[in-house]
Structure formats: structure tokens, C-alpha cells
Amino acid sequence: MDKPRNEGGKNIDDPDVILGAALRGVANGADIIKCNYSGTPESFKKVTSRCPVPVVVLGGPLVPDKQCLEWVKGSVDGGAVGGAIGRNTTTHRDPEKIIRAIQKIIHDDASVDEALKELK
């Protein structure tokens, strides 16, 4: 992530903030957690390793294809089981291709560069 994103006075990309929210969700009965990506696989492992239910990454703001795929790859490498990507797929010039690229990362452990080939 380039710069911290803040909401409600908190850095919403901070793994401690994400983990706190995730654990509150679990305490309230969540079977799966959808959350922000913290920016690196290592920091995201702080969330996924301590969360007792599966974690999926949310898509966040509309970003270039490569950045979206980097978020997905980093989150999966950090322990996420998948992604819940909205606007970066639904508003894409070719939604089917970007979904295929995301699927390659999640299900085939493809690199970002391999996944980008799906967009050609």
C-alpha cells in the first residue's frame, strides 16, 4: 500500500486494526471474515494466523489490474482462502478475464505475471 488509509481515526490497513475487527466479527458469530489487505503477506499472516475462521480479502477501491492482482496474491500468500472482489471485477472492461486471472492466483497459485496473461 502506498499510504495508510484512515477511517474513523484508524489506519484500516494496519494488521492489528484488521485483526481486532475480525475477532469482533467472530465473537458475534461470523463463519467467515471479509477484510482489508494489510499490504504484505507477512503482515496479513498476523490476521489469518490468529483468526479462527476463514479469511477472504475484499477488493477495495477501483485500482489498476496489476494492483488488484497483487492484493489478491499477497493476501492468499498471507493465508486468505480467497477474495470477495466487487468493483474491480464488475466494472472491469472484461469481467470474465479479470475473474479468470483472480481464479488463477487463488486456485492455481499463479504469480501475478502469470495471471496478467489471462487479460490478453
C-alpha atoms as a PDB file:
ATOM      1  CA  MET A   1       0.000   0.000   0.000  1.00  0.00           C
ATOM      2  CA  ASP A   2       1.296   3.445  -0.861  1.00  0.00           C
ATOM      3  CA  LYS A   3      -0.082   5.421   2.079  1.00  0.00           C
ATOM      4  CA  PRO A   4      -2.197   4.499   5.075  1.00  0.00           C
ATOM      5  CA  ARG A   5      -5.945   4.637   4.543  1.00  0.00           C
ATOM      6  CA  ASN A   6      -7.763   6.044   7.539  1.00  0.00           C
ATOM      7  CA  GLU A   7     -11.376   5.758   8.587  1.00  0.00           C
ATOM      8  CA  GLY A   8     -12.786   6.691  11.953  1.00  0.00           C
ATOM      9  CA  GLY A   9      -9.341   7.746  13.108  1.00  0.00           C
ATOM     10  CA  LYS A  10      -7.825   4.307  12.495  1.00  0.00           C
ATOM     11  CA  ASN A  11      -5.447   3.023   9.831  1.00  0.00           C
ATOM     12  CA  ILE A  12      -7.711   0.465   8.167  1.00  0.00           C
ATOM     13  CA  ASP A  13      -4.713  -1.331   6.623  1.00  0.00           C
ATOM     14  CA  ASP A  14      -2.994  -1.914   9.986  1.00  0.00           C
ATOM     15  CA  PRO A  15      -2.983  -5.660  10.726  1.00  0.00           C
ATOM     16  CA  ASP A  16      -3.774  -5.023  14.410  1.00  0.00           C
ATOM     17  CA  VAL A  17      -6.841  -2.983  13.441  1.00  0.00           C
ATOM     18  CA  ILE A  18      -7.915  -5.632  10.905  1.00  0.00           C
ATOM     19  CA  LEU A  19      -7.387  -8.457  13.407  1.00  0.00           C
ATOM     20  CA  GLY A  20      -9.359  -6.631  16.089  1.00  0.00           C
ATOM     21  CA  ALA A  21     -12.295  -6.170  13.751  1.00  0.00           C
ATOM     22  CA  ALA A  22     -12.056  -9.771  12.553  1.00  0.00           C
ATOM     23  CA  LEU A  23     -12.076 -11.139  16.091  1.00  0.00           C
ATOM     24  CA  ARG A  24     -15.082  -8.969  16.967  1.00  0.00           C
ATOM     25  CA  GLY A  25     -16.829 -10.453  13.954  1.00  0.00           C
ATOM     26  CA  VAL A  26     -16.011 -13.981  15.094  1.00  0.00           C
ATOM     27  CA  ALA A  27     -17.197 -13.181  18.632  1.00  0.00           C
ATOM     28  CA  ASN A  28     -20.507 -12.116  17.105  1.00  0.00           C
ATOM     29  CA  GLY A  29     -20.920 -15.372  15.181  1.00  0.00           C
ATOM     30  CA  ALA A  30     -19.177 -14.814  11.827  1.00  0.00           C
ATOM     31  CA  ASP A  31     -18.313 -18.019   9.994  1.00  0.00           C
ATOM     32  CA  ILE A  32     -16.040 -16.206   7.541  1.00  0.00           C
ATOM     33  CA  ILE A  33     -14.296 -12.835   7.648  1.00  0.00           C
ATOM     34  CA  LYS A  34     -14.028 -10.413   4.724  1.00  0.00           C
ATOM     35  CA  CYS A  35     -11.424  -7.758   5.402  1.00  0.00           C
ATOM     36  CA  ASN A  36      -8.879  -5.310   4.020  1.00  0.00           C
ATOM     37  CA  TYR A  37      -5.469  -6.479   2.886  1.00  0.00           C
ATOM     38  CA  SER A  38      -2.755  -5.142   5.181  1.00  0.00           C
ATOM     39  CA  GLY A  39      -0.195  -4.576   2.421  1.00  0.00           C
ATOM     40  CA  THR A  40       2.215  -7.509   2.734  1.00  0.00           C
ATOM     41  CA  PRO A  41       1.794 -11.282   3.049  1.00  0.00           C
ATOM     42  CA  GLU A  42       3.808 -11.213   6.269  1.00  0.00           C
ATOM     43  CA  SER A  43       1.593  -8.613   7.942  1.00  0.00           C
ATOM     44  CA  PHE A  44      -1.561 -10.333   6.670  1.00  0.00           C
ATOM     45  CA  LYS A  45      -0.450 -13.590   8.316  1.00  0.00           C
ATOM     46  CA  LYS A  46      -0.847 -11.747  11.614  1.00  0.00           C
ATOM     47  CA  VAL A  47      -4.559 -11.626  10.808  1.00  0.00           C
ATOM     48  CA  THR A  48      -5.081 -15.045   9.226  1.00  0.00           C
ATOM     49  CA  SER A  49      -2.968 -16.979  11.719  1.00  0.00           C
ATOM     50  CA  ARG A  50      -4.960 -15.678  14.680  1.00  0.00           C
ATOM     51  CA  CYS A  51      -8.429 -15.643  13.156  1.00  0.00           C
ATOM     52  CA  PRO A  52     -10.245 -18.929  13.905  1.00  0.00           C
ATOM     53  CA  VAL A  53     -12.439 -18.771  10.781  1.00  0.00           C
ATOM     54  CA  PRO A  54     -11.516 -18.478   7.090  1.00  0.00           C
ATOM     55  CA  VAL A  55     -10.497 -15.028   5.840  1.00  0.00           C
ATOM     56  CA  VAL A  56     -11.199 -13.562   2.406  1.00  0.00           C
ATOM     57  CA  VAL A  57      -9.804 -10.278   1.201  1.00  0.00           C
ATOM     58  CA  LEU A  58     -12.082  -7.524  -0.034  1.00  0.00           C
ATOM     59  CA  GLY A  59     -11.350  -5.798  -3.314  1.00  0.00           C
ATOM     60  CA  GLY A  60     -11.145  -2.259  -2.016  1.00  0.00           C
ATOM     61  CA  PRO A  61     -11.168   0.794  -4.249  1.00  0.00           C
ATOM     62  CA  LEU A  62     -11.031   0.617  -8.024  1.00  0.00           C
ATOM     63  CA  VAL A  63      -7.362   0.096  -8.924  1.00  0.00           C
ATOM     64  CA  PRO A  64      -5.318  -0.939 -11.978  1.00  0.00           C
ATOM     65  CA  ASP A  65      -5.442  -4.653 -12.818  1.00  0.00           C
ATOM     66  CA  LYS A  66      -1.918  -5.392 -11.652  1.00  0.00           C
ATOM     67  CA  GLN A  67      -2.516  -3.783  -8.256  1.00  0.00           C
ATOM     68  CA  CYS A  68      -5.736  -5.741  -7.778  1.00  0.00           C
ATOM     69  CA  LEU A  69      -3.951  -8.985  -8.606  1.00  0.00           C
ATOM     70  CA  GLU A  70      -1.054  -8.084  -6.302  1.00  0.00           C
ATOM     71  CA  TRP A  71      -3.535  -7.622  -3.441  1.00  0.00           C
ATOM     72  CA  VAL A  72      -5.122 -10.979  -4.153  1.00  0.00           C
ATOM     73  CA  LYS A  73      -1.744 -12.728  -4.443  1.00  0.00           C
ATOM     74  CA  GLY A  74      -0.395 -11.104  -1.290  1.00  0.00           C
ATOM     75  CA  SER A  75      -3.486 -11.950   0.708  1.00  0.00           C
ATOM     76  CA  VAL A  76      -3.516 -15.592  -0.440  1.00  0.00           C
ATOM     77  CA  ASP A  77       0.209 -15.879   0.268  1.00  0.00           C
ATOM     78  CA  GLY A  78      -0.643 -14.395   3.673  1.00  0.00           C
ATOM     79  CA  GLY A  79      -3.217 -17.077   4.424  1.00  0.00           C
ATOM     80  CA  ALA A  80      -6.502 -15.857   2.924  1.00  0.00           C
ATOM     81  CA  VAL A  81      -8.704 -18.548   1.425  1.00  0.00           C
ATOM     82  CA  GLY A  82      -9.978 -16.290  -1.341  1.00  0.00           C
ATOM     83  CA  GLY A  83     -11.307 -12.914  -2.269  1.00  0.00           C
ATOM     84  CA  ALA A  84     -14.576 -11.023  -2.459  1.00  0.00           C
ATOM     85  CA  ILE A  85     -13.715  -8.637  -5.250  1.00  0.00           C
ATOM     86  CA  GLY A  86     -16.516  -6.308  -6.335  1.00  0.00           C
ATOM     87  CA  ARG A  87     -15.935  -3.160  -8.371  1.00  0.00           C
ATOM     88  CA  ASN A  88     -12.564  -4.357  -9.698  1.00  0.00           C
ATOM     89  CA  THR A  89     -14.444  -7.168 -11.443  1.00  0.00           C
ATOM     90  CA  THR A  90     -17.932  -5.807 -12.102  1.00  0.00           C
ATOM     91  CA  THR A  91     -16.716  -2.563 -13.686  1.00  0.00           C
ATOM     92  CA  HIS A  92     -13.773  -4.162 -15.490  1.00  0.00           C
ATOM     93  CA  ARG A  93     -13.637  -3.813 -19.283  1.00  0.00           C
ATOM     94  CA  ASP A  94     -13.728  -7.638 -19.432  1.00  0.00           C
ATOM     95  CA  PRO A  95     -15.100  -9.049 -16.158  1.00  0.00           C
ATOM     96  CA  GLU A  96     -14.695 -12.659 -17.261  1.00  0.00           C
ATOM     97  CA  LYS A  97     -10.977 -12.219 -17.919  1.00  0.00           C
ATOM     98  CA  ILE A  98     -10.177 -10.473 -14.636  1.00  0.00           C
ATOM     99  CA  ILE A  99     -12.132 -13.136 -12.740  1.00  0.00           C
ATOM    100  CA  ARG A 100     -10.121 -15.815 -14.552  1.00  0.00           C
ATOM    101  CA  ALA A 101      -6.912 -14.017 -13.560  1.00  0.00           C
ATOM    102  CA  ILE A 102      -8.004 -13.861  -9.908  1.00  0.00           C
ATOM    103  CA  GLN A 103      -9.035 -17.516 -10.056  1.00  0.00           C
ATOM    104  CA  LYS A 104      -5.563 -18.487 -11.370  1.00  0.00           C
ATOM    105  CA  ILE A 105      -3.963 -16.884  -8.318  1.00  0.00           C
ATOM    106  CA  ILE A 106      -6.371 -18.353  -5.776  1.00  0.00           C
ATOM    107  CA  HIS A 107      -6.771 -21.862  -7.183  1.00  0.00           C
ATOM    108  CA  ASP A 108      -3.597 -22.446  -9.206  1.00  0.00           C
ATOM    109  CA  ASP A 109      -1.093 -20.453  -7.095  1.00  0.00           C
ATOM    110  CA  ALA A 110      -0.194 -18.455 -10.206  1.00  0.00           C
ATOM    111  CA  SER A 111       2.109 -15.463  -9.996  1.00  0.00           C
ATOM    112  CA  VAL A 112       0.769 -12.009 -10.762  1.00  0.00           C
ATOM    113  CA  ASP A 113       2.585 -12.061 -14.112  1.00  0.00           C
ATOM    114  CA  GLU A 114       1.046 -15.442 -14.992  1.00  0.00           C
ATOM    115  CA  ALA A 115      -2.397 -14.163 -14.012  1.00  0.00           C
ATOM    116  CA  LEU A 116      -1.957 -10.996 -16.085  1.00  0.00           C
ATOM    117  CA  LYS A 117      -1.687 -13.224 -19.197  1.00  0.00           C
ATOM    118  CA  GLU A 118      -5.386 -14.035 -18.721  1.00  0.00           C
ATOM    119  CA  LEU A 119      -6.173 -10.409 -19.557  1.00  0.00           C
ATOM    120  CA  LYS A 120      -4.727 -10.549 -23.080  1.00  0.00           C
END
